[in-house]
Each structure stands twice: as C-alpha cells, then as structure tokens.
Amino acid sequence: MAPTAPVAPASFEEAVSRLESLIREMESGELPLDASLAAYQQGTELIRFCQARLADAEQQLSVLENGELKPLSLEVADV
C-alpha cells in the first residue's frame, strides 16, 4: 500500500504545530531513514505553506495601510 499524501493544514497555526512535531520526531533520532526523508519532505511543504500565508498577511497589511507597510507598534499607550 502506498503512503497517503498529508492533508494540507487548515491554518498557519496548525502548520506550525505540525512542523514543530515533525522537528521533535526527527531530532529524537528514532525515525528510520525512509520516515526521516518523508518527514523532511513534509516539513519543507509546511514551511512553504507558512511562507505563503505570511506573504498573504503582509500583502493584506499593505493594502490596509493604504499601500504603505508600517511596522506594528507593540507599545501600550499610557492611560
């Protein structure tokens, strides 16, 4: 039976979670070679997914800021 293709993540957060899980598995050193190669391939696909989602978010921010991408301020205003 051929291995099934992994299901695309539903969100950026799910992709990051799955990527972190893959990294832990690979770092454990307990995966056989074939499983390690499959995990590496899946990891690169998850990274591409995350990069695309981040690029989309950056584009949306650019549009929201009238064409000027502005850094987000994390400072809390004095009340």
N, C-alpha and C. Protein backbone atom coordinates (compact mmCIF):
# COMPACT_ATOMS: atom_id res chain seq x y z
N MET A 1 0.85 -1.17 0.00
CA MET A 1 0.00 0.00 0.00
C MET A 1 0.89 1.24 0.00
N ALA A 2 0.63 2.20 -0.89
CA ALA A 2 1.42 3.42 -0.98
C ALA A 2 1.02 4.36 0.14
N PRO A 3 2.02 5.16 0.65
CA PRO A 3 1.67 6.11 1.71
C PRO A 3 0.73 7.19 1.17
N THR A 4 -0.18 7.62 2.03
CA THR A 4 -1.12 8.65 1.62
C THR A 4 -0.47 10.02 1.76
N ALA A 5 -0.89 10.93 0.89
CA ALA A 5 -0.36 12.29 0.94
C ALA A 5 -0.90 12.99 2.17
N PRO A 6 -0.06 13.81 2.84
CA PRO A 6 -0.54 14.52 4.01
C PRO A 6 -1.60 15.53 3.63
N VAL A 7 -2.55 15.72 4.52
CA VAL A 7 -3.63 16.68 4.30
C VAL A 7 -3.08 18.08 4.56
N ALA A 8 -3.44 19.03 3.68
CA ALA A 8 -2.98 20.40 3.84
C ALA A 8 -3.50 20.96 5.16
N PRO A 9 -2.67 21.75 5.85
CA PRO A 9 -3.12 22.33 7.11
C PRO A 9 -4.27 23.32 6.89
N ALA A 10 -5.13 23.43 7.88
CA ALA A 10 -6.28 24.32 7.79
C ALA A 10 -5.90 25.76 8.11
N SER A 11 -4.78 25.94 8.83
CA SER A 11 -4.40 27.29 9.25
C SER A 11 -2.88 27.37 9.41
N PHE A 12 -2.41 28.59 9.52
CA PHE A 12 -0.99 28.84 9.78
C PHE A 12 -0.58 28.18 11.09
N GLU A 13 -1.41 28.34 12.12
CA GLU A 13 -1.09 27.80 13.43
C GLU A 13 -1.02 26.27 13.41
N GLU A 14 -1.90 25.64 12.67
CA GLU A 14 -1.85 24.18 12.55
C GLU A 14 -0.57 23.75 11.84
N ALA A 15 -0.18 24.48 10.81
CA ALA A 15 1.04 24.15 10.07
C ALA A 15 2.27 24.26 10.98
N VAL A 16 2.32 25.32 11.78
CA VAL A 16 3.46 25.50 12.69
C VAL A 16 3.49 24.37 13.72
N SER A 17 2.33 24.01 14.25
CA SER A 17 2.25 22.93 15.22
C SER A 17 2.73 21.61 14.62
N ARG A 18 2.28 21.32 13.41
CA ARG A 18 2.70 20.09 12.74
C ARG A 18 4.20 20.12 12.45
N LEU A 19 4.72 21.27 12.07
CA LEU A 19 6.14 21.40 11.79
C LEU A 19 6.96 21.18 13.07
N GLU A 20 6.52 21.75 14.18
CA GLU A 20 7.21 21.55 15.45
C GLU A 20 7.22 20.07 15.84
N SER A 21 6.11 19.39 15.60
CA SER A 21 6.01 17.97 15.91
C SER A 21 6.98 17.15 15.05
N LEU A 22 7.04 17.49 13.77
CA LEU A 22 7.97 16.80 12.88
C LEU A 22 9.42 17.00 13.33
N ILE A 23 9.74 18.20 13.72
CA ILE A 23 11.10 18.51 14.16
C ILE A 23 11.46 17.68 15.39
N ARG A 24 10.52 17.61 16.35
CA ARG A 24 10.78 16.79 17.55
C ARG A 24 11.02 15.33 17.18
N GLU A 25 10.19 14.80 16.27
CA GLU A 25 10.36 13.40 15.85
C GLU A 25 11.72 13.19 15.20
N MET A 26 12.09 14.11 14.32
CA MET A 26 13.36 13.95 13.61
C MET A 26 14.55 14.09 14.55
N GLU A 27 14.45 15.02 15.50
CA GLU A 27 15.54 15.22 16.44
C GLU A 27 15.70 14.07 17.42
N SER A 28 14.65 13.28 17.58
CA SER A 28 14.73 12.15 18.50
C SER A 28 15.72 11.10 18.00
N GLY A 29 15.95 11.08 16.70
CA GLY A 29 16.88 10.11 16.13
C GLY A 29 16.32 8.71 16.03
N GLU A 30 15.03 8.55 16.28
CA GLU A 30 14.43 7.22 16.28
C GLU A 30 13.70 6.86 14.99
N LEU A 31 13.60 7.81 14.06
CA LEU A 31 12.91 7.52 12.80
C LEU A 31 13.83 6.75 11.86
N PRO A 32 13.29 5.75 11.18
CA PRO A 32 14.08 5.09 10.14
C PRO A 32 14.35 6.07 9.00
N LEU A 33 15.31 5.74 8.16
CA LEU A 33 15.72 6.64 7.08
C LEU A 33 14.55 7.06 6.20
N ASP A 34 13.75 6.12 5.75
CA ASP A 34 12.62 6.46 4.87
C ASP A 34 11.64 7.40 5.55
N ALA A 35 11.37 7.16 6.82
CA ALA A 35 10.45 8.03 7.56
C ALA A 35 11.07 9.41 7.75
N SER A 36 12.37 9.47 7.96
CA SER A 36 13.05 10.76 8.09
C SER A 36 12.98 11.56 6.80
N LEU A 37 13.17 10.89 5.68
CA LEU A 37 13.07 11.58 4.39
C LEU A 37 11.66 12.08 4.14
N ALA A 38 10.67 11.27 4.48
CA ALA A 38 9.27 11.68 4.30
C ALA A 38 8.95 12.86 5.22
N ALA A 39 9.44 12.82 6.46
CA ALA A 39 9.21 13.91 7.40
C ALA A 39 9.87 15.19 6.91
N TYR A 40 11.08 15.07 6.36
CA TYR A 40 11.78 16.23 5.81
C TYR A 40 10.99 16.84 4.66
N GLN A 41 10.49 16.00 3.78
CA GLN A 41 9.70 16.50 2.65
C GLN A 41 8.42 17.18 3.14
N GLN A 42 7.75 16.58 4.09
CA GLN A 42 6.53 17.17 4.63
C GLN A 42 6.86 18.50 5.32
N GLY A 43 7.99 18.54 6.01
CA GLY A 43 8.41 19.78 6.67
C GLY A 43 8.65 20.90 5.68
N THR A 44 9.28 20.59 4.55
CA THR A 44 9.51 21.64 3.55
C THR A 44 8.19 22.13 2.96
N GLU A 45 7.23 21.23 2.80
CA GLU A 45 5.91 21.65 2.32
C GLU A 45 5.20 22.54 3.34
N LEU A 46 5.33 22.20 4.60
CA LEU A 46 4.73 23.03 5.66
C LEU A 46 5.39 24.41 5.72
N ILE A 47 6.70 24.45 5.54
CA ILE A 47 7.41 25.73 5.53
C ILE A 47 6.93 26.58 4.36
N ARG A 48 6.78 25.98 3.20
CA ARG A 48 6.27 26.73 2.04
C ARG A 48 4.87 27.26 2.30
N PHE A 49 4.03 26.44 2.92
CA PHE A 49 2.68 26.87 3.27
C PHE A 49 2.73 28.08 4.21
N CYS A 50 3.57 28.00 5.24
CA CYS A 50 3.69 29.10 6.21
C CYS A 50 4.22 30.37 5.54
N GLN A 51 5.22 30.22 4.68
CA GLN A 51 5.76 31.38 3.98
C GLN A 51 4.71 32.03 3.10
N ALA A 52 3.89 31.24 2.44
CA ALA A 52 2.83 31.78 1.59
C ALA A 52 1.79 32.51 2.44
N ARG A 53 1.42 31.93 3.57
CA ARG A 53 0.43 32.59 4.45
C ARG A 53 0.98 33.90 5.00
N LEU A 54 2.26 33.92 5.37
CA LEU A 54 2.87 35.15 5.86
C LEU A 54 2.94 36.22 4.77
N ALA A 55 3.24 35.81 3.55
CA ALA A 55 3.27 36.75 2.43
C ALA A 55 1.88 37.32 2.17
N ASP A 56 0.86 36.46 2.28
CA ASP A 56 -0.53 36.93 2.12
C ASP A 56 -0.89 37.94 3.19
N ALA A 57 -0.49 37.66 4.43
CA ALA A 57 -0.79 38.57 5.53
C ALA A 57 -0.08 39.90 5.33
N GLU A 58 1.16 39.86 4.88
CA GLU A 58 1.91 41.08 4.62
C GLU A 58 1.23 41.90 3.52
N GLN A 59 0.75 41.23 2.50
CA GLN A 59 0.03 41.91 1.41
C GLN A 59 -1.24 42.56 1.93
N GLN A 60 -1.97 41.86 2.78
CA GLN A 60 -3.20 42.41 3.34
C GLN A 60 -2.91 43.64 4.21
N LEU A 61 -1.83 43.58 5.00
CA LEU A 61 -1.45 44.74 5.81
C LEU A 61 -1.08 45.92 4.93
N SER A 62 -0.41 45.65 3.85
CA SER A 62 -0.02 46.71 2.93
C SER A 62 -1.25 47.40 2.37
N VAL A 63 -2.24 46.63 2.00
CA VAL A 63 -3.48 47.19 1.46
C VAL A 63 -4.20 47.97 2.55
N LEU A 64 -4.24 47.44 3.77
CA LEU A 64 -4.94 48.11 4.87
C LEU A 64 -4.28 49.44 5.24
N GLU A 65 -2.99 49.56 5.01
CA GLU A 65 -2.26 50.78 5.35
C GLU A 65 -2.13 51.70 4.15
N ASN A 66 -3.08 51.62 3.22
CA ASN A 66 -3.08 52.48 2.02
C ASN A 66 -1.79 52.39 1.22
N GLY A 67 -1.32 51.18 1.05
CA GLY A 67 -0.14 50.98 0.22
C GLY A 67 1.18 51.15 0.95
N GLU A 68 1.15 51.58 2.21
CA GLU A 68 2.38 51.73 2.98
C GLU A 68 2.41 50.68 4.07
N LEU A 69 3.38 49.81 3.99
CA LEU A 69 3.53 48.80 5.03
C LEU A 69 4.21 49.45 6.22
N LYS A 70 3.51 49.52 7.33
CA LYS A 70 4.03 50.18 8.53
C LYS A 70 4.30 49.13 9.59
N PRO A 71 5.37 49.32 10.36
CA PRO A 71 5.64 48.36 11.44
C PRO A 71 4.56 48.43 12.51
N LEU A 72 4.25 47.28 13.07
CA LEU A 72 3.26 47.24 14.14
C LEU A 72 3.89 47.73 15.43
N SER A 73 3.20 48.57 16.15
CA SER A 73 3.69 49.07 17.43
C SER A 73 3.14 48.17 18.52
N LEU A 74 4.03 47.62 19.32
CA LEU A 74 3.62 46.73 20.40
C LEU A 74 3.58 47.45 21.73
N GLU A 75 3.86 48.75 21.73
CA GLU A 75 3.86 49.52 22.96
C GLU A 75 2.41 49.79 23.40
N VAL A 76 2.19 49.73 24.70
CA VAL A 76 0.86 50.00 25.24
C VAL A 76 0.79 51.49 25.55
N ALA A 77 -0.26 52.12 25.11
CA ALA A 77 -0.43 53.56 25.35
C ALA A 77 -0.72 53.79 26.82
N ASP A 78 -0.18 54.90 27.36
CA ASP A 78 -0.47 55.27 28.75
C ASP A 78 -1.92 55.67 28.87
N VAL A 79 -2.57 55.21 29.91
CA VAL A 79 -3.98 55.52 30.11
C VAL A 79 -4.14 56.57 31.17
